[in-house]
PDB file of all heavy atoms in Angstrom:
ATOM      1  N   LYS A   1       0.875  -1.160   0.000  1.00  0.00           N
ATOM      2  CA  LYS A   1       0.000   0.000   0.000  1.00  0.00           C
ATOM      3  C   LYS A   1       0.918   1.216   0.000  1.00  0.00           C
ATOM      4  O   LYS A   1       1.610   1.471   0.981  1.00  0.00           O
ATOM      5  CB  LYS A   1      -0.907   0.019   1.227  1.00  0.00           C
ATOM      6  CG  LYS A   1      -1.968  -1.050   1.208  1.00  0.00           C
ATOM      7  CD  LYS A   1      -2.896  -0.916   2.383  1.00  0.00           C
ATOM      8  CE  LYS A   1      -3.932  -2.018   2.363  1.00  0.00           C
ATOM      9  NZ  LYS A   1      -4.787  -2.007   3.540  1.00  0.00           N
ATOM     10  N   ILE A   2       0.921   1.934  -1.124  1.00  0.00           N
ATOM     11  CA  ILE A   2       1.829   3.063  -1.285  1.00  0.00           C
ATOM     12  C   ILE A   2       1.645   4.055  -0.135  1.00  0.00           C
ATOM     13  O   ILE A   2       0.530   4.443   0.207  1.00  0.00           O
ATOM     14  CB  ILE A   2       1.586   3.760  -2.642  1.00  0.00           C
ATOM     15  CG1 ILE A   2       1.740   2.765  -3.794  1.00  0.00           C
ATOM     16  CG2 ILE A   2       2.533   4.948  -2.823  1.00  0.00           C
ATOM     17  CD1 ILE A   2       3.099   2.134  -3.924  1.00  0.00           C
ATOM     18  N   GLY A   3       2.755   4.451   0.472  1.00  0.00           N
ATOM     19  CA  GLY A   3       2.727   5.418   1.572  1.00  0.00           C
ATOM     20  C   GLY A   3       2.468   4.810   2.939  1.00  0.00           C
ATOM     21  O   GLY A   3       2.423   5.512   3.939  1.00  0.00           O
ATOM     22  N   GLU A   4       2.256   3.495   3.003  1.00  0.00           N
ATOM     23  CA  GLU A   4       1.975   2.827   4.279  1.00  0.00           C
ATOM     24  C   GLU A   4       2.901   1.632   4.464  1.00  0.00           C
ATOM     25  O   GLU A   4       2.541   0.497   4.156  1.00  0.00           O
ATOM     26  CB  GLU A   4       0.518   2.337   4.314  1.00  0.00           C
ATOM     27  CG  GLU A   4      -0.504   3.445   4.284  1.00  0.00           C
ATOM     28  CD  GLU A   4      -1.923   2.896   4.334  1.00  0.00           C
ATOM     29  OE1 GLU A   4      -2.155   1.856   4.993  1.00  0.00           O
ATOM     30  OE2 GLU A   4      -2.791   3.507   3.702  1.00  0.00           O
ATOM     31  N   PRO A   5       4.116   1.855   4.967  1.00  0.00           N
ATOM     32  CA  PRO A   5       5.013   0.718   5.187  1.00  0.00           C
ATOM     33  C   PRO A   5       4.453  -0.224   6.249  1.00  0.00           C
ATOM     34  O   PRO A   5       3.890   0.221   7.242  1.00  0.00           O
ATOM     35  CB  PRO A   5       6.309   1.359   5.658  1.00  0.00           C
ATOM     36  CG  PRO A   5       6.002   2.777   5.955  1.00  0.00           C
ATOM     37  CD  PRO A   5       4.688   3.123   5.346  1.00  0.00           C
ATOM     38  N   ILE A   6       4.581  -1.500   5.997  1.00  0.00           N
ATOM     39  CA  ILE A   6       4.085  -2.491   6.945  1.00  0.00           C
ATOM     40  C   ILE A   6       5.016  -3.702   6.946  1.00  0.00           C
ATOM     41  O   ILE A   6       5.588  -4.049   5.914  1.00  0.00           O
ATOM     42  CB  ILE A   6       2.631  -2.925   6.616  1.00  0.00           C
ATOM     43  CG1 ILE A   6       2.083  -3.831   7.714  1.00  0.00           C
ATOM     44  CG2 ILE A   6       2.541  -3.552   5.248  1.00  0.00           C
ATOM     45  CD1 ILE A   6       0.588  -4.063   7.645  1.00  0.00           C
ATOM     46  N   THR A   7       5.172  -4.294   8.109  1.00  0.00           N
ATOM     47  CA  THR A   7       5.962  -5.518   8.235  1.00  0.00           C
ATOM     48  C   THR A   7       5.014  -6.669   8.526  1.00  0.00           C
ATOM     49  O   THR A   7       4.212  -6.606   9.444  1.00  0.00           O
ATOM     50  CB  THR A   7       7.009  -5.383   9.366  1.00  0.00           C
ATOM     51  OG1 THR A   7       7.869  -4.288   9.066  1.00  0.00           O
ATOM     52  CG2 THR A   7       7.828  -6.658   9.506  1.00  0.00           C
ATOM     53  N   HIS A   8       5.108  -7.699   7.709  1.00  0.00           N
ATOM     54  CA  HIS A   8       4.280  -8.897   7.862  1.00  0.00           C
ATOM     55  C   HIS A   8       5.112  -9.994   8.499  1.00  0.00           C
ATOM     56  O   HIS A   8       6.232 -10.265   8.043  1.00  0.00           O
ATOM     57  CB  HIS A   8       3.789  -9.388   6.495  1.00  0.00           C
ATOM     58  CG  HIS A   8       2.958  -8.406   5.749  1.00  0.00           C
ATOM     59  ND1 HIS A   8       1.600  -8.328   5.917  1.00  0.00           N
ATOM     60  CD2 HIS A   8       3.293  -7.454   4.846  1.00  0.00           C
ATOM     61  CE1 HIS A   8       1.135  -7.370   5.130  1.00  0.00           C
ATOM     62  NE2 HIS A   8       2.136  -6.827   4.481  1.00  0.00           N
ATOM     63  N   ASP A   9       4.586 -10.632   9.525  1.00  0.00           N
ATOM     64  CA  ASP A   9       5.228 -11.820  10.084  1.00  0.00           C
ATOM     65  C   ASP A   9       4.870 -12.983   9.181  1.00  0.00           C
ATOM     66  O   ASP A   9       3.683 -13.221   8.907  1.00  0.00           O
ATOM     67  CB  ASP A   9       4.729 -12.090  11.503  1.00  0.00           C
ATOM     68  CG  ASP A   9       5.158 -11.017  12.480  1.00  0.00           C
ATOM     69  OD1 ASP A   9       6.268 -10.479  12.310  1.00  0.00           O
ATOM     70  OD2 ASP A   9       4.383 -10.711  13.405  1.00  0.00           O
ATOM     71  N   ILE A  10       5.872 -13.672   8.690  1.00  0.00           N
ATOM     72  CA  ILE A  10       5.633 -14.808   7.800  1.00  0.00           C
ATOM     73  C   ILE A  10       6.407 -16.017   8.309  1.00  0.00           C
ATOM     74  O   ILE A  10       7.262 -15.899   9.188  1.00  0.00           O
ATOM     75  CB  ILE A  10       6.027 -14.490   6.340  1.00  0.00           C
ATOM     76  CG1 ILE A  10       7.528 -14.224   6.230  1.00  0.00           C
ATOM     77  CG2 ILE A  10       5.214 -13.318   5.784  1.00  0.00           C
ATOM     78  CD1 ILE A  10       8.023 -14.147   4.797  1.00  0.00           C
ATOM     79  N   THR A  11       6.097 -17.165   7.732  1.00  0.00           N
ATOM     80  CA  THR A  11       6.812 -18.395   8.060  1.00  0.00           C
ATOM     81  C   THR A  11       7.572 -18.837   6.826  1.00  0.00           C
ATOM     82  O   THR A  11       7.009 -18.889   5.730  1.00  0.00           O
ATOM     83  CB  THR A  11       5.829 -19.496   8.496  1.00  0.00           C
ATOM     84  OG1 THR A  11       5.123 -19.048   9.650  1.00  0.00           O
ATOM     85  CG2 THR A  11       6.558 -20.792   8.820  1.00  0.00           C
ATOM     86  N   VAL A  12       8.851 -19.141   7.019  1.00  0.00           N
ATOM     87  CA  VAL A  12       9.659 -19.694   5.933  1.00  0.00           C
ATOM     88  C   VAL A  12      10.031 -21.126   6.300  1.00  0.00           C
ATOM     89  O   VAL A  12      10.176 -21.459   7.475  1.00  0.00           O
ATOM     90  CB  VAL A  12      10.914 -18.845   5.651  1.00  0.00           C
ATOM     91  CG1 VAL A  12      10.533 -17.439   5.212  1.00  0.00           C
ATOM     92  CG2 VAL A  12      11.854 -18.783   6.841  1.00  0.00           C
ATOM     93  N   ARG A  13      10.141 -21.950   5.292  1.00  0.00           N
ATOM     94  CA  ARG A  13      10.524 -23.346   5.504  1.00  0.00           C
ATOM     95  C   ARG A  13      11.825 -23.590   4.737  1.00  0.00           C
ATOM     96  O   ARG A  13      11.900 -23.375   3.529  1.00  0.00           O
ATOM     97  CB  ARG A  13       9.437 -24.291   5.001  1.00  0.00           C
ATOM     98  CG  ARG A  13       9.741 -25.764   5.261  1.00  0.00           C
ATOM     99  CD  ARG A  13       8.583 -26.664   4.857  1.00  0.00           C
ATOM    100  NE  ARG A  13       7.431 -26.370   5.696  1.00  0.00           N
ATOM    101  CZ  ARG A  13       6.162 -26.541   5.316  1.00  0.00           C
ATOM    102  NH1 ARG A  13       5.863 -26.993   4.122  1.00  0.00           N
ATOM    103  NH2 ARG A  13       5.181 -26.251   6.148  1.00  0.00           N
ATOM    104  N   ILE A  14      12.841 -24.013   5.487  1.00  0.00           N
ATOM    105  CA  ILE A  14      14.145 -24.306   4.908  1.00  0.00           C
ATOM    106  C   ILE A  14      14.529 -25.704   5.369  1.00  0.00           C
ATOM    107  O   ILE A  14      14.497 -25.993   6.566  1.00  0.00           O
ATOM    108  CB  ILE A  14      15.197 -23.281   5.371  1.00  0.00           C
ATOM    109  CG1 ILE A  14      14.753 -21.858   5.000  1.00  0.00           C
ATOM    110  CG2 ILE A  14      16.569 -23.609   4.788  1.00  0.00           C
ATOM    111  CD1 ILE A  14      15.550 -20.756   5.657  1.00  0.00           C
ATOM    112  N   ASN A  15      14.856 -26.555   4.418  1.00  0.00           N
ATOM    113  CA  ASN A  15      15.218 -27.947   4.737  1.00  0.00           C
ATOM    114  C   ASN A  15      14.158 -28.632   5.609  1.00  0.00           C
ATOM    115  O   ASN A  15      14.474 -29.283   6.596  1.00  0.00           O
ATOM    116  CB  ASN A  15      16.589 -28.015   5.420  1.00  0.00           C
ATOM    117  CG  ASN A  15      17.690 -27.442   4.565  1.00  0.00           C
ATOM    118  OD1 ASN A  15      17.634 -27.522   3.346  1.00  0.00           O
ATOM    119  ND2 ASN A  15      18.682 -26.847   5.186  1.00  0.00           N
ATOM    120  N   ARG A  16      12.889 -28.403   5.280  1.00  0.00           N
ATOM    121  CA  ARG A  16      11.734 -29.023   5.948  1.00  0.00           C
ATOM    122  C   ARG A  16      11.504 -28.538   7.380  1.00  0.00           C
ATOM    123  O   ARG A  16      10.756 -29.165   8.133  1.00  0.00           O
ATOM    124  CB  ARG A  16      11.830 -30.543   5.914  1.00  0.00           C
ATOM    125  CG  ARG A  16      11.832 -31.095   4.517  1.00  0.00           C
ATOM    126  CD  ARG A  16      11.743 -32.593   4.522  1.00  0.00           C
ATOM    127  NE  ARG A  16      11.688 -33.069   3.159  1.00  0.00           N
ATOM    128  CZ  ARG A  16      12.306 -34.147   2.740  1.00  0.00           C
ATOM    129  NH1 ARG A  16      13.001 -34.884   3.572  1.00  0.00           N
ATOM    130  NH2 ARG A  16      12.215 -34.511   1.484  1.00  0.00           N
ATOM    131  N   VAL A  17      12.149 -27.453   7.776  1.00  0.00           N
ATOM    132  CA  VAL A  17      11.963 -26.878   9.113  1.00  0.00           C
ATOM    133  C   VAL A  17      11.369 -25.477   8.954  1.00  0.00           C
ATOM    134  O   VAL A  17      11.835 -24.689   8.126  1.00  0.00           O
ATOM    135  CB  VAL A  17      13.305 -26.808   9.885  1.00  0.00           C
ATOM    136  CG1 VAL A  17      13.118 -26.182  11.255  1.00  0.00           C
ATOM    137  CG2 VAL A  17      13.931 -28.194   9.997  1.00  0.00           C
ATOM    138  N   ASN A  18      10.321 -25.176   9.745  1.00  0.00           N
ATOM    139  CA  ASN A  18       9.684 -23.860   9.703  1.00  0.00           C
ATOM    140  C   ASN A  18      10.376 -22.886  10.646  1.00  0.00           C
ATOM    141  O   ASN A  18      10.736 -23.254  11.765  1.00  0.00           O
ATOM    142  CB  ASN A  18       8.208 -23.962  10.092  1.00  0.00           C
ATOM    143  CG  ASN A  18       7.385 -24.651   9.022  1.00  0.00           C
ATOM    144  OD1 ASN A  18       7.857 -24.956   7.940  1.00  0.00           O
ATOM    145  ND2 ASN A  18       6.133 -24.899   9.331  1.00  0.00           N
ATOM    146  N   TYR A  19      10.523 -21.628  10.179  1.00  0.00           N
ATOM    147  CA  TYR A  19      11.138 -20.565  10.969  1.00  0.00           C
ATOM    148  C   TYR A  19      10.306 -19.295  10.821  1.00  0.00           C
ATOM    149  O   TYR A  19       9.727 -19.049   9.759  1.00  0.00           O
ATOM    150  CB  TYR A  19      12.544 -20.246  10.440  1.00  0.00           C
ATOM    151  CG  TYR A  19      13.514 -21.391  10.448  1.00  0.00           C
ATOM    152  CD1 TYR A  19      13.677 -22.193   9.312  1.00  0.00           C
ATOM    153  CD2 TYR A  19      14.294 -21.663  11.565  1.00  0.00           C
ATOM    154  CE1 TYR A  19      14.592 -23.238   9.301  1.00  0.00           C
ATOM    155  CE2 TYR A  19      15.217 -22.709  11.558  1.00  0.00           C
ATOM    156  CZ  TYR A  19      15.357 -23.490  10.430  1.00  0.00           C
ATOM    157  OH  TYR A  19      16.259 -24.515  10.413  1.00  0.00           O
ATOM    158  N   PRO A  20      10.288 -18.442  11.858  1.00  0.00           N
ATOM    159  CA  PRO A  20       9.639 -17.145  11.712  1.00  0.00           C
ATOM    160  C   PRO A  20      10.545 -16.202  10.924  1.00  0.00           C
ATOM    161  O   PRO A  20      11.775 -16.273  11.024  1.00  0.00           O
ATOM    162  CB  PRO A  20       9.460 -16.667  13.157  1.00  0.00           C
ATOM    163  CG  PRO A  20      10.569 -17.341  13.904  1.00  0.00           C
ATOM    164  CD  PRO A  20      10.796 -18.665  13.218  1.00  0.00           C
ATOM    165  N   ALA A  21       9.938 -15.332  10.131  1.00  0.00           N
ATOM    166  CA  ALA A  21      10.673 -14.320   9.379  1.00  0.00           C
ATOM    167  C   ALA A  21       9.768 -13.099   9.241  1.00  0.00           C
ATOM    168  O   ALA A  21       8.621 -13.114   9.698  1.00  0.00           O
ATOM    169  CB  ALA A  21      11.081 -14.861   8.010  1.00  0.00           C
ATOM    170  N   ALA A  22      10.279 -12.056   8.612  1.00  0.00           N
ATOM    171  CA  ALA A  22       9.497 -10.828   8.423  1.00  0.00           C
ATOM    172  C   ALA A  22       9.654 -10.350   6.991  1.00  0.00           C
ATOM    173  O   ALA A  22      10.730 -10.452   6.394  1.00  0.00           O
ATOM    174  CB  ALA A  22       9.962  -9.759   9.390  1.00  0.00           C
ATOM    175  N   TYR A  23       8.556  -9.822   6.443  1.00  0.00           N
ATOM    176  CA  TYR A  23       8.565  -9.225   5.111  1.00  0.00           C
ATOM    177  C   TYR A  23       8.065  -7.800   5.239  1.00  0.00           C
ATOM    178  O   TYR A  23       6.952  -7.564   5.705  1.00  0.00           O
ATOM    179  CB  TYR A  23       7.668 -10.016   4.154  1.00  0.00           C
ATOM    180  CG  TYR A  23       7.570  -9.388   2.787  1.00  0.00           C
ATOM    181  CD1 TYR A  23       8.660  -9.403   1.922  1.00  0.00           C
ATOM    182  CD2 TYR A  23       6.405  -8.769   2.367  1.00  0.00           C
ATOM    183  CE1 TYR A  23       8.586  -8.821   0.667  1.00  0.00           C
ATOM    184  CE2 TYR A  23       6.319  -8.191   1.111  1.00  0.00           C
ATOM    185  CZ  TYR A  23       7.410  -8.216   0.263  1.00  0.00           C
ATOM    186  OH  TYR A  23       7.336  -7.639  -0.976  1.00  0.00           O
ATOM    187  N   ARG A  24       8.909  -6.830   4.857  1.00  0.00           N
ATOM    188  CA  ARG A  24       8.546  -5.410   4.948  1.00  0.00           C
ATOM    189  C   ARG A  24       8.348  -4.861   3.541  1.00  0.00           C
ATOM    190  O   ARG A  24       9.165  -5.069   2.657  1.00  0.00           O
ATOM    191  CB  ARG A  24       9.636  -4.627   5.658  1.00  0.00           C
ATOM    192  CG  ARG A  24       9.287  -3.157   5.827  1.00  0.00           C
ATOM    193  CD  ARG A  24      10.233  -2.479   6.812  1.00  0.00           C
ATOM    194  NE  ARG A  24       9.969  -1.071   6.944  1.00  0.00           N
ATOM    195  CZ  ARG A  24       9.008  -0.530   7.678  1.00  0.00           C
ATOM    196  NH1 ARG A  24       8.181  -1.313   8.347  1.00  0.00           N
ATOM    197  NH2 ARG A  24       8.831   0.766   7.734  1.00  0.00           N
ATOM    198  N   ILE A  25       7.227  -4.158   3.389  1.00  0.00           N
ATOM    199  CA  ILE A  25       6.892  -3.581   2.088  1.00  0.00           C
ATOM    200  C   ILE A  25       6.295  -2.186   2.301  1.00  0.00           C
ATOM    201  O   ILE A  25       5.624  -1.940   3.298  1.00  0.00           O
ATOM    202  CB  ILE A  25       5.919  -4.495   1.295  1.00  0.00           C
ATOM    203  CG1 ILE A  25       5.733  -4.014  -0.148  1.00  0.00           C
ATOM    204  CG2 ILE A  25       4.600  -4.665   2.004  1.00  0.00           C
ATOM    205  CD1 ILE A  25       6.943  -4.125  -1.010  1.00  0.00           C
ATOM    206  N   GLY A  26       6.563  -1.288   1.357  1.00  0.00           N
ATOM    207  CA  GLY A  26       6.000   0.058   1.418  1.00  0.00           C
ATOM    208  C   GLY A  26       7.024   1.075   1.882  1.00  0.00           C
ATOM    209  O   GLY A  26       8.048   0.740   2.457  1.00  0.00           O
ATOM    210  N   SER A  27       6.745   2.341   1.582  1.00  0.00           N
ATOM    211  CA  SER A  27       7.633   3.423   1.988  1.00  0.00           C
ATOM    212  C   SER A  27       6.802   4.635   2.370  1.00  0.00           C
ATOM    213  O   SER A  27       5.688   4.818   1.890  1.00  0.00           O
ATOM    214  CB  SER A  27       8.577   3.787   0.842  1.00  0.00           C
ATOM    215  OG  SER A  27       7.835   4.314  -0.249  1.00  0.00           O
ATOM    216  N   LYS A  28       7.340   5.458   3.245  1.00  0.00           N
ATOM    217  CA  LYS A  28       6.616   6.660   3.684  1.00  0.00           C
ATOM    218  C   LYS A  28       6.605   7.756   2.623  1.00  0.00           C
ATOM    219  O   LYS A  28       5.777   8.641   2.669  1.00  0.00           O
ATOM    220  CB  LYS A  28       7.240   7.194   4.976  1.00  0.00           C
ATOM    221  CG  LYS A  28       7.003   6.286   6.150  1.00  0.00           C
ATOM    222  CD  LYS A  28       7.596   6.871   7.408  1.00  0.00           C
ATOM    223  CE  LYS A  28       7.351   5.923   8.573  1.00  0.00           C
ATOM    224  NZ  LYS A  28       7.986   6.387   9.803  1.00  0.00           N
ATOM    225  N   ASP A  29       7.526   7.702   1.660  1.00  0.00           N
ATOM    226  CA  ASP A  29       7.602   8.758   0.647  1.00  0.00           C
ATOM    227  C   ASP A  29       6.648   8.545  -0.528  1.00  0.00           C
ATOM    228  O   ASP A  29       6.628   9.326  -1.461  1.00  0.00           O
ATOM    229  CB  ASP A  29       9.038   8.935   0.156  1.00  0.00           C
ATOM    230  CG  ASP A  29       9.583   7.706  -0.570  1.00  0.00           C
ATOM    231  OD1 ASP A  29       8.820   6.752  -0.827  1.00  0.00           O
ATOM    232  OD2 ASP A  29      10.787   7.713  -0.872  1.00  0.00           O
ATOM    233  N   GLY A  30       5.853   7.488  -0.478  1.00  0.00           N
ATOM    234  CA  GLY A  30       4.860   7.265  -1.522  1.00  0.00           C
ATOM    235  C   GLY A  30       5.415   6.623  -2.780  1.00  0.00           C
ATOM    236  O   GLY A  30       4.711   6.458  -3.762  1.00  0.00           O
ATOM    237  N   LYS A  31       6.684   6.242  -2.772  1.00  0.00           N
ATOM    238  CA  LYS A  31       7.284   5.591  -3.929  1.00  0.00           C
ATOM    239  C   LYS A  31       7.291   4.079  -3.717  1.00  0.00           C
ATOM    240  O   LYS A  31       7.405   3.609  -2.593  1.00  0.00           O
ATOM    241  CB  LYS A  31       8.722   6.073  -4.129  1.00  0.00           C
ATOM    242  CG  LYS A  31       8.803   7.544  -4.463  1.00  0.00           C
ATOM    243  CD  LYS A  31      10.249   7.953  -4.663  1.00  0.00           C
ATOM    244  CE  LYS A  31      10.331   9.440  -4.978  1.00  0.00           C
ATOM    245  NZ  LYS A  31      11.720   9.882  -5.137  1.00  0.00           N
ATOM    246  N   GLN A  32       7.160   3.357  -4.813  1.00  0.00           N
ATOM    247  CA  GLN A  32       7.245   1.900  -4.710  1.00  0.00           C
ATOM    248  C   GLN A  32       8.691   1.505  -4.441  1.00  0.00           C
ATOM    249  O   GLN A  32       9.616   2.069  -5.007  1.00  0.00           O
ATOM    250  CB  GLN A  32       6.759   1.233  -5.992  1.00  0.00           C
ATOM    251  CG  GLN A  32       5.265   1.288  -6.159  1.00  0.00           C
ATOM    252  CD  GLN A  32       4.811   0.439  -7.325  1.00  0.00           C
ATOM    253  OE1 GLN A  32       5.468   0.379  -8.350  1.00  0.00           O
ATOM    254  NE2 GLN A  32       3.678  -0.202  -7.159  1.00  0.00           N
ATOM    255  N   ARG A  33       8.880   0.569  -3.569  1.00  0.00           N
ATOM    256  CA  ARG A  33      10.207   0.075  -3.221  1.00  0.00           C
ATOM    257  C   ARG A  33      10.205  -1.447  -3.294  1.00  0.00           C
ATOM    258  O   ARG A  33       9.156  -2.081  -3.282  1.00  0.00           O
ATOM    259  CB  ARG A  33      10.558   0.474  -1.777  1.00  0.00           C
ATOM    260  CG  ARG A  33      10.524   1.950  -1.512  1.00  0.00           C
ATOM    261  CD  ARG A  33      11.836   2.586  -1.913  1.00  0.00           C
ATOM    262  NE  ARG A  33      11.847   3.980  -1.512  1.00  0.00           N
ATOM    263  CZ  ARG A  33      12.223   4.957  -2.296  1.00  0.00           C
ATOM    264  NH1 ARG A  33      12.627   4.713  -3.514  1.00  0.00           N
ATOM    265  NH2 ARG A  33      12.219   6.203  -1.864  1.00  0.00           N
ATOM    266  N   SER A  34      11.395  -2.006  -3.306  1.00  0.00           N
ATOM    267  CA  SER A  34      11.507  -3.459  -3.204  1.00  0.00           C
ATOM    268  C   SER A  34      11.022  -3.878  -1.827  1.00  0.00           C
ATOM    269  O   SER A  34      11.182  -3.139  -0.855  1.00  0.00           O
ATOM    270  CB  SER A  34      12.968  -3.898  -3.364  1.00  0.00           C
ATOM    271  OG  SER A  34      13.441  -3.629  -4.657  1.00  0.00           O
ATOM    272  N   GLY A  35      10.445  -5.062  -1.746  1.00  0.00           N
ATOM    273  CA  GLY A  35      10.129  -5.629  -0.447  1.00  0.00           C
ATOM    274  C   GLY A  35      11.414  -6.154   0.178  1.00  0.00           C
ATOM    275  O   GLY A  35      12.388  -6.435  -0.524  1.00  0.00           O
ATOM    276  N   LEU A  36      11.434  -6.277   1.493  1.00  0.00           N
ATOM    277  CA  LEU A  36      12.608  -6.790   2.189  1.00  0.00           C
ATOM    278  C   LEU A  36      12.223  -8.005   3.018  1.00  0.00           C
ATOM    279  O   LEU A  36      11.418  -7.909   3.938  1.00  0.00           O
ATOM    280  CB  LEU A  36      13.215  -5.717   3.097  1.00  0.00           C
ATOM    281  CG  LEU A  36      13.828  -4.521   2.390  1.00  0.00           C
ATOM    282  CD1 LEU A  36      14.240  -3.468   3.414  1.00  0.00           C
ATOM    283  CD2 LEU A  36      15.016  -4.948   1.548  1.00  0.00           C
ATOM    284  N   LEU A  37      12.792  -9.125   2.683  1.00  0.00           N
ATOM    285  CA  LEU A  37      12.585 -10.361   3.423  1.00  0.00           C
ATOM    286  C   LEU A  37      13.731 -10.491   4.417  1.00  0.00           C
ATOM    287  O   LEU A  37      14.886 -10.637   4.020  1.00  0.00           O
ATOM    288  CB  LEU A  37      12.560 -11.551   2.462  1.00  0.00           C
ATOM    289  CG  LEU A  37      12.417 -12.937   3.079  1.00  0.00           C
ATOM    290  CD1 LEU A  37      11.146 -13.046   3.910  1.00  0.00           C
ATOM    291  CD2 LEU A  37      12.448 -13.999   1.990  1.00  0.00           C
ATOM    292  N   SER A  38      13.415 -10.374   5.703  1.00  0.00           N
ATOM    293  CA  SER A  38      14.424 -10.443   6.765  1.00  0.00           C
ATOM    294  C   SER A  38      14.446 -11.846   7.352  1.00  0.00           C
ATOM    295  O   SER A  38      13.453 -12.303   7.904  1.00  0.00           O
ATOM    296  CB  SER A  38      14.102  -9.436   7.867  1.00  0.00           C
ATOM    297  OG  SER A  38      14.090  -8.133   7.350  1.00  0.00           O
ATOM    298  N   LEU A  39      15.598 -12.489   7.259  1.00  0.00           N
ATOM    299  CA  LEU A  39      15.718 -13.858   7.745  1.00  0.00           C
ATOM    300  C   LEU A  39      16.477 -13.965   9.053  1.00  0.00           C
ATOM    301  O   LEU A  39      16.375 -14.963   9.748  1.00  0.00           O
ATOM    302  CB  LEU A  39      16.420 -14.724   6.693  1.00  0.00           C
ATOM    303  CG  LEU A  39      15.698 -14.872   5.369  1.00  0.00           C
ATOM    304  CD1 LEU A  39      16.525 -15.691   4.403  1.00  0.00           C
ATOM    305  CD2 LEU A  39      14.327 -15.492   5.559  1.00  0.00           C
TER     306      LEU A  39
END
């Protein structure tokens, strides 16, 4: 959502094991940015 940065808690699975992770999308300046997957 342009202009509304938000971090989503997500689950990633690596080698059949689930881990918590975060995905951040959006910017305060109203420009589209790459999402950031934090592991």
